[in-house]
Amino acid sequence: MPSNENRVIANRFRGFLPVVVDVETGGFNKDTDALLEIGAVILGVEQDGRVVPRESLATHVQPFAGANIEQAALEVNGIKVDNPLRMALAEREALDRIFRPIRRAVSECGCRRAILVGHNAHFDLGFMNAAIARTNYKRSPFHPFSVFDTVTLAGAALGQTVLARALEAADLPYDANEAHSALYDAERTADLFCLLVNRFSAAFGSKQDED
């Protein structure tokens, strides 16, 4: 059974556990371009109700057979696909490494499933769903189409839609030299999401039932 503290996050997000995800890819087309890296941050709540990062996860991913990889994409994300130090996993194994702890957290929190949080979230969810379909993965913890998007939240709250500028407007740190690592971007997006939803809670009042 989930603890009282764990139940708070289920009540806060209508039975969903928010998990921040960032992917690095070989291009913009989810169906033809390689998924190369996944970063994720599972969120939780403090006893005072603040949403906070709880657990970070990351894996490099081997390109699927026949995957397209644009050189321009590699110049942005800095990934050297053939570098053995990447310790890249096949897509199905990579998904399982990320999904297992998320499923465990969903169960521990008494949630129905996870919901993906991202900056341009449908891009990340699209690549995840494409990999799920390619590998016939049956136990994805994520809602298949609903997301929380920090582009929308930051645009409304801060007047900024670019991640680096939104973080700056929120007085949160951002290192351009670390940017476009999936885990780094996921962790910074998690910081931004937590700050925004905690401010919204303070402004509008919390309605969740903590019984």
C-alpha atoms as a PDB file:
ATOM      1  CA  MET A   1       0.000   0.000   0.000  1.00  0.00           C
ATOM      2  CA  PRO A   2       1.302   3.506  -0.764  1.00  0.00           C
ATOM      3  CA  SER A   3       2.214   5.665   2.216  1.00  0.00           C
ATOM      4  CA  ASN A   4       0.231   8.814   3.008  1.00  0.00           C
ATOM      5  CA  GLU A   5       3.104  10.905   1.625  1.00  0.00           C
ATOM      6  CA  ASN A   6       3.237   8.901  -1.605  1.00  0.00           C
ATOM      7  CA  ARG A   7      -0.543   9.204  -2.092  1.00  0.00           C
ATOM      8  CA  VAL A   8      -0.263  12.989  -2.181  1.00  0.00           C
ATOM      9  CA  ILE A   9       1.302  13.002  -5.638  1.00  0.00           C
ATOM     10  CA  ALA A  10      -1.366  10.630  -6.973  1.00  0.00           C
ATOM     11  CA  ASN A  11      -4.050  12.974  -5.695  1.00  0.00           C
ATOM     12  CA  ARG A  12      -2.201  16.060  -6.934  1.00  0.00           C
ATOM     13  CA  PHE A  13      -2.135  14.851 -10.563  1.00  0.00           C
ATOM     14  CA  ARG A  14      -5.396  12.869 -10.776  1.00  0.00           C
ATOM     15  CA  GLY A  15      -3.768   9.470 -10.430  1.00  0.00           C
ATOM     16  CA  PHE A  16      -0.802  10.182 -12.680  1.00  0.00           C
ATOM     17  CA  LEU A  17       2.851  10.161 -11.635  1.00  0.00           C
ATOM     18  CA  PRO A  18       4.761  12.880 -13.524  1.00  0.00           C
ATOM     19  CA  VAL A  19       8.063  11.700 -14.975  1.00  0.00           C
ATOM     20  CA  VAL A  20      10.259  14.155 -16.863  1.00  0.00           C
ATOM     21  CA  VAL A  21      11.770  12.729 -20.064  1.00  0.00           C
ATOM     22  CA  ASP A  22      14.263  14.066 -22.568  1.00  0.00           C
ATOM     23  CA  VAL A  23      15.504  12.164 -25.607  1.00  0.00           C
ATOM     24  CA  GLU A  24      18.411  12.774 -27.940  1.00  0.00           C
ATOM     25  CA  THR A  25      17.875  11.565 -31.480  1.00  0.00           C
ATOM     26  CA  GLY A  26      19.336  11.337 -34.946  1.00  0.00           C
ATOM     27  CA  GLY A  27      16.796  13.771 -36.386  1.00  0.00           C
ATOM     28  CA  PHE A  28      13.221  14.974 -36.070  1.00  0.00           C
ATOM     29  CA  ASN A  29      11.296  12.061 -37.610  1.00  0.00           C
ATOM     30  CA  LYS A  30      10.246   9.553 -34.948  1.00  0.00           C
ATOM     31  CA  ASP A  31       9.599   6.822 -37.506  1.00  0.00           C
ATOM     32  CA  THR A  32      12.865   7.000 -39.469  1.00  0.00           C
ATOM     33  CA  ASP A  33      15.433   8.649 -37.193  1.00  0.00           C
ATOM     34  CA  ALA A  34      17.398   6.942 -34.441  1.00  0.00           C
ATOM     35  CA  LEU A  35      16.634   7.212 -30.751  1.00  0.00           C
ATOM     36  CA  LEU A  36      20.102   7.662 -29.227  1.00  0.00           C
ATOM     37  CA  GLU A  37      19.715   8.608 -25.562  1.00  0.00           C
ATOM     38  CA  ILE A  38      16.982   8.737 -22.906  1.00  0.00           C
ATOM     39  CA  GLY A  39      17.056  10.725 -19.670  1.00  0.00           C
ATOM     40  CA  ALA A  40      14.248  10.614 -17.113  1.00  0.00           C
ATOM     41  CA  VAL A  41      13.505  12.083 -13.686  1.00  0.00           C
ATOM     42  CA  ILE A  42      10.815  10.562 -11.471  1.00  0.00           C
ATOM     43  CA  LEU A  43       9.077  13.187  -9.354  1.00  0.00           C
ATOM     44  CA  GLY A  44       7.692  12.948  -5.828  1.00  0.00           C
ATOM     45  CA  VAL A  45       6.380  15.214  -3.103  1.00  0.00           C
ATOM     46  CA  GLU A  46       7.711  16.492   0.178  1.00  0.00           C
ATOM     47  CA  GLN A  47       5.623  16.392   3.350  1.00  0.00           C
ATOM     48  CA  ASP A  48       4.743  20.048   2.801  1.00  0.00           C
ATOM     49  CA  GLY A  49       3.264  19.197  -0.604  1.00  0.00           C
ATOM     50  CA  ARG A  50       6.074  20.558  -2.793  1.00  0.00           C
ATOM     51  CA  VAL A  51       6.747  18.563  -5.944  1.00  0.00           C
ATOM     52  CA  VAL A  52      10.444  17.619  -6.150  1.00  0.00           C
ATOM     53  CA  PRO A  53      12.787  15.429  -8.236  1.00  0.00           C
ATOM     54  CA  ARG A  54      13.192  11.979  -6.676  1.00  0.00           C
ATOM     55  CA  GLU A  55      15.202   9.685  -8.975  1.00  0.00           C
ATOM     56  CA  SER A  56      17.226  10.220 -12.161  1.00  0.00           C
ATOM     57  CA  LEU A  57      17.579   7.562 -14.872  1.00  0.00           C
ATOM     58  CA  ALA A  58      19.555   7.515 -18.119  1.00  0.00           C
ATOM     59  CA  THR A  59      20.684   5.199 -20.876  1.00  0.00           C
ATOM     60  CA  HIS A  60      22.331   5.409 -24.272  1.00  0.00           C
ATOM     61  CA  VAL A  61      20.500   3.599 -27.072  1.00  0.00           C
ATOM     62  CA  GLN A  62      21.786   1.700 -30.091  1.00  0.00           C
ATOM     63  CA  PRO A  63      20.253   2.909 -33.358  1.00  0.00           C
ATOM     64  CA  PHE A  64      17.645   0.473 -34.654  1.00  0.00           C
ATOM     65  CA  ALA A  65      18.396  -1.367 -37.888  1.00  0.00           C
ATOM     66  CA  GLY A  66      18.131   1.004 -40.839  1.00  0.00           C
ATOM     67  CA  ALA A  67      17.785   4.103 -38.660  1.00  0.00           C
ATOM     68  CA  ASN A  68      18.566   7.472 -40.215  1.00  0.00           C
ATOM     69  CA  ILE A  69      21.062   9.693 -38.387  1.00  0.00           C
ATOM     70  CA  GLU A  70      21.528  13.272 -39.509  1.00  0.00           C
ATOM     71  CA  GLN A  71      25.002  14.733 -39.068  1.00  0.00           C
ATOM     72  CA  ALA A  72      23.433  18.045 -38.058  1.00  0.00           C
ATOM     73  CA  ALA A  73      21.711  16.303 -35.139  1.00  0.00           C
ATOM     74  CA  LEU A  74      24.991  14.797 -33.944  1.00  0.00           C
ATOM     75  CA  GLU A  75      26.653  18.206 -34.120  1.00  0.00           C
ATOM     76  CA  VAL A  76      23.992  19.534 -31.740  1.00  0.00           C
ATOM     77  CA  ASN A  77      23.909  16.687 -29.227  1.00  0.00           C
ATOM     78  CA  GLY A  78      27.592  15.764 -29.435  1.00  0.00           C
ATOM     79  CA  ILE A  79      26.887  12.022 -29.496  1.00  0.00           C
ATOM     80  CA  LYS A  80      29.527   9.779 -31.078  1.00  0.00           C
ATOM     81  CA  VAL A  81      27.358   6.855 -32.074  1.00  0.00           C
ATOM     82  CA  ASP A  82      30.198   4.347 -32.524  1.00  0.00           C
ATOM     83  CA  ASN A  83      31.998   5.207 -29.284  1.00  0.00           C
ATOM     84  CA  PRO A  84      32.089   1.984 -27.188  1.00  0.00           C
ATOM     85  CA  LEU A  85      32.202   4.070 -24.011  1.00  0.00           C
ATOM     86  CA  ARG A  86      28.570   4.986 -24.637  1.00  0.00           C
ATOM     87  CA  MET A  87      27.649   1.484 -23.391  1.00  0.00           C
ATOM     88  CA  ALA A  88      24.546   1.784 -25.548  1.00  0.00           C
ATOM     89  CA  LEU A  89      21.731  -0.737 -25.146  1.00  0.00           C
ATOM     90  CA  ALA A  90      19.406  -2.157 -27.774  1.00  0.00           C
ATOM     91  CA  GLU A  91      16.103  -0.271 -27.857  1.00  0.00           C
ATOM     92  CA  ARG A  92      14.045  -2.838 -25.951  1.00  0.00           C
ATOM     93  CA  GLU A  93      16.663  -3.219 -23.217  1.00  0.00           C
ATOM     94  CA  ALA A  94      17.039   0.552 -22.987  1.00  0.00           C
ATOM     95  CA  LEU A  95      13.275   1.001 -22.602  1.00  0.00           C
ATOM     96  CA  ASP A  96      13.195  -1.666 -19.915  1.00  0.00           C
ATOM     97  CA  ARG A  97      16.016   0.012 -17.978  1.00  0.00           C
ATOM     98  CA  ILE A  98      14.035   3.256 -17.897  1.00  0.00           C
ATOM     99  CA  PHE A  99      10.546   1.788 -17.497  1.00  0.00           C
ATOM    100  CA  ARG A 100      11.116  -0.702 -14.660  1.00  0.00           C
ATOM    101  CA  PRO A 101      11.859   1.895 -11.953  1.00  0.00           C
ATOM    102  CA  ILE A 102       9.057   4.088 -13.283  1.00  0.00           C
ATOM    103  CA  ARG A 103       6.545   1.239 -13.000  1.00  0.00           C
ATOM    104  CA  ARG A 104       7.778   0.593  -9.478  1.00  0.00           C
ATOM    105  CA  ALA A 105       7.319   4.260  -8.551  1.00  0.00           C
ATOM    106  CA  VAL A 106       3.834   4.296 -10.084  1.00  0.00           C
ATOM    107  CA  SER A 107       2.869   1.351  -7.881  1.00  0.00           C
ATOM    108  CA  GLU A 108       4.486   2.780  -4.731  1.00  0.00           C
ATOM    109  CA  CYS A 109       2.615   6.064  -5.183  1.00  0.00           C
ATOM    110  CA  GLY A 110      -0.753   4.447  -5.801  1.00  0.00           C
ATOM    111  CA  CYS A 111      -0.933   6.007  -9.270  1.00  0.00           C
ATOM    112  CA  ARG A 112      -2.669   4.539 -12.314  1.00  0.00           C
ATOM    113  CA  ARG A 113       0.225   5.273 -14.658  1.00  0.00           C
ATOM    114  CA  ALA A 114       2.978   7.767 -15.417  1.00  0.00           C
ATOM    115  CA  ILE A 115       2.508  10.914 -17.471  1.00  0.00           C
ATOM    116  CA  LEU A 116       5.397  12.284 -19.497  1.00  0.00           C
ATOM    117  CA  VAL A 117       6.646  15.777 -18.695  1.00  0.00           C
ATOM    118  CA  GLY A 118       8.888  17.373 -21.295  1.00  0.00           C
ATOM    119  CA  HIS A 119      10.004  20.533 -23.029  1.00  0.00           C
ATOM    120  CA  ASN A 120       8.176  20.102 -26.345  1.00  0.00           C
ATOM    121  CA  ALA A 121       6.850  16.955 -24.703  1.00  0.00           C
ATOM    122  CA  HIS A 122       5.123  15.418 -27.722  1.00  0.00           C
ATOM    123  CA  PHE A 123       8.498  15.200 -29.485  1.00  0.00           C
ATOM    124  CA  ASP A 124       9.887  13.057 -26.648  1.00  0.00           C
ATOM    125  CA  LEU A 125       6.709  11.000 -26.313  1.00  0.00           C
ATOM    126  CA  GLY A 126       6.616  10.437 -30.072  1.00  0.00           C
ATOM    127  CA  PHE A 127      10.112   8.943 -30.127  1.00  0.00           C
ATOM    128  CA  MET A 128       9.343   6.835 -27.056  1.00  0.00           C
ATOM    129  CA  ASN A 129       6.112   5.541 -28.588  1.00  0.00           C
ATOM    130  CA  ALA A 130       7.886   4.736 -31.855  1.00  0.00           C
ATOM    131  CA  ALA A 131      10.508   2.677 -29.998  1.00  0.00           C
ATOM    132  CA  ILE A 132       7.738   0.962 -28.005  1.00  0.00           C
ATOM    133  CA  ALA A 133       6.006   0.012 -31.259  1.00  0.00           C
ATOM    134  CA  ARG A 134       9.225  -1.162 -32.961  1.00  0.00           C
ATOM    135  CA  THR A 135      10.135  -3.427 -30.042  1.00  0.00           C
ATOM    136  CA  ASN A 136       6.571  -4.600 -29.322  1.00  0.00           C
ATOM    137  CA  TYR A 137       7.075  -3.467 -25.727  1.00  0.00           C
ATOM    138  CA  LYS A 138       3.916  -4.369 -23.795  1.00  0.00           C
ATOM    139  CA  ARG A 139       4.293  -2.639 -20.433  1.00  0.00           C
ATOM    140  CA  SER A 140       4.964   1.028 -21.012  1.00  0.00           C
ATOM    141  CA  PRO A 141       4.110   2.935 -17.826  1.00  0.00           C
ATOM    142  CA  PHE A 142       3.250   6.127 -19.728  1.00  0.00           C
ATOM    143  CA  HIS A 143      -0.079   7.478 -20.869  1.00  0.00           C
ATOM    144  CA  PRO A 144       0.061   7.017 -24.659  1.00  0.00           C
ATOM    145  CA  PHE A 145      -0.841  10.595 -25.634  1.00  0.00           C
ATOM    146  CA  SER A 146      -1.328  12.933 -22.643  1.00  0.00           C
ATOM    147  CA  VAL A 147       1.623  15.051 -21.458  1.00  0.00           C
ATOM    148  CA  PHE A 148       2.605  18.027 -19.361  1.00  0.00           C
ATOM    149  CA  ASP A 149       4.606  20.438 -21.531  1.00  0.00           C
ATOM    150  CA  THR A 150       6.941  22.954 -19.910  1.00  0.00           C
ATOM    151  CA  VAL A 151       6.960  25.011 -23.120  1.00  0.00           C
ATOM    152  CA  THR A 152       3.323  25.877 -22.487  1.00  0.00           C
ATOM    153  CA  LEU A 153       3.760  26.301 -18.729  1.00  0.00           C
ATOM    154  CA  ALA A 154       6.873  28.478 -19.050  1.00  0.00           C
ATOM    155  CA  GLY A 155       5.376  30.501 -21.871  1.00  0.00           C
ATOM    156  CA  ALA A 156       2.322  31.274 -19.752  1.00  0.00           C
ATOM    157  CA  ALA A 157       4.134  31.871 -16.468  1.00  0.00           C
ATOM    158  CA  LEU A 158       7.469  33.347 -17.554  1.00  0.00           C
ATOM    159  CA  GLY A 159       6.980  34.589 -21.102  1.00  0.00           C
ATOM    160  CA  GLN A 160       9.729  32.267 -22.337  1.00  0.00           C
ATOM    161  CA  THR A 161       9.465  29.069 -24.387  1.00  0.00           C
ATOM    162  CA  VAL A 162      13.151  28.214 -24.962  1.00  0.00           C
ATOM    163  CA  LEU A 163      14.399  26.020 -22.103  1.00  0.00           C
ATOM    164  CA  ALA A 164      17.576  27.998 -21.417  1.00  0.00           C
ATOM    165  CA  ARG A 165      15.701  31.301 -21.370  1.00  0.00           C
ATOM    166  CA  ALA A 166      12.893  29.923 -19.215  1.00  0.00           C
ATOM    167  CA  LEU A 167      15.437  28.658 -16.683  1.00  0.00           C
ATOM    168  CA  GLU A 168      17.156  32.034 -16.686  1.00  0.00           C
ATOM    169  CA  ALA A 169      13.818  33.816 -16.160  1.00  0.00           C
ATOM    170  CA  ALA A 170      13.104  31.459 -13.254  1.00  0.00           C
ATOM    171  CA  ASP A 171      16.575  32.053 -11.717  1.00  0.00           C
ATOM    172  CA  LEU A 172      17.485  28.389 -12.202  1.00  0.00           C
ATOM    173  CA  PRO A 173      20.969  27.270 -13.327  1.00  0.00           C
ATOM    174  CA  TYR A 174      21.699  26.183 -16.881  1.00  0.00           C
ATOM    175  CA  ASP A 175      25.096  25.245 -18.325  1.00  0.00           C
ATOM    176  CA  ALA A 176      25.193  25.500 -22.122  1.00  0.00           C
ATOM    177  CA  ASN A 177      28.219  23.192 -22.172  1.00  0.00           C
ATOM    178  CA  GLU A 178      26.132  20.404 -20.609  1.00  0.00           C
ATOM    179  CA  ALA A 179      23.042  21.057 -22.720  1.00  0.00           C
ATOM    180  CA  HIS A 180      21.705  18.402 -25.105  1.00  0.00           C
ATOM    181  CA  SER A 181      22.693  15.576 -22.815  1.00  0.00           C
ATOM    182  CA  ALA A 182      19.382  13.782 -22.262  1.00  0.00           C
ATOM    183  CA  LEU A 183      19.872  13.457 -18.515  1.00  0.00           C
ATOM    184  CA  TYR A 184      21.060  17.052 -18.048  1.00  0.00           C
ATOM    185  CA  ASP A 185      18.130  18.464 -20.004  1.00  0.00           C
ATOM    186  CA  ALA A 186      15.676  16.178 -18.187  1.00  0.00           C
ATOM    187  CA  GLU A 187      16.995  17.315 -14.814  1.00  0.00           C
ATOM    188  CA  ARG A 188      16.801  20.992 -15.746  1.00  0.00           C
ATOM    189  CA  THR A 189      13.295  20.497 -17.140  1.00  0.00           C
ATOM    190  CA  ALA A 190      12.347  18.774 -13.887  1.00  0.00           C
ATOM    191  CA  ASP A 191      13.643  21.769 -11.922  1.00  0.00           C
ATOM    192  CA  LEU A 192      11.551  24.097 -14.086  1.00  0.00           C
ATOM    193  CA  PHE A 193       8.389  21.980 -13.872  1.00  0.00           C
ATOM    194  CA  CYS A 194       8.649  21.645 -10.088  1.00  0.00           C
ATOM    195  CA  LEU A 195       9.153  25.373  -9.624  1.00  0.00           C
ATOM    196  CA  LEU A 196       6.166  26.226 -11.817  1.00  0.00           C
ATOM    197  CA  VAL A 197       3.693  23.729 -10.369  1.00  0.00           C
ATOM    198  CA  ASN A 198       4.718  24.625  -6.816  1.00  0.00           C
ATOM    199  CA  ARG A 199       4.112  28.294  -7.550  1.00  0.00           C
ATOM    200  CA  PHE A 200       0.768  27.465  -9.128  1.00  0.00           C
ATOM    201  CA  SER A 201      -0.195  25.468  -6.040  1.00  0.00           C
ATOM    202  CA  ALA A 202       0.746  28.377  -3.801  1.00  0.00           C
ATOM    203  CA  ALA A 203      -1.190  30.827  -5.959  1.00  0.00           C
ATOM    204  CA  PHE A 204      -4.375  28.829  -6.401  1.00  0.00           C
ATOM    205  CA  GLY A 205      -4.395  26.677  -3.275  1.00  0.00           C
ATOM    206  CA  SER A 206      -4.173  22.913  -3.017  1.00  0.00           C
ATOM    207  CA  LYS A 207      -7.403  20.965  -3.467  1.00  0.00           C
ATOM    208  CA  GLN A 208      -6.096  17.410  -3.196  1.00  0.00           C
ATOM    209  CA  ASP A 209      -7.522  15.001  -0.666  1.00  0.00           C
ATOM    210  CA  GLU A 210      -4.718  13.611   1.462  1.00  0.00           C
ATOM    211  CA  ASP A 211      -6.850  11.018   3.310  1.00  0.00           C
END
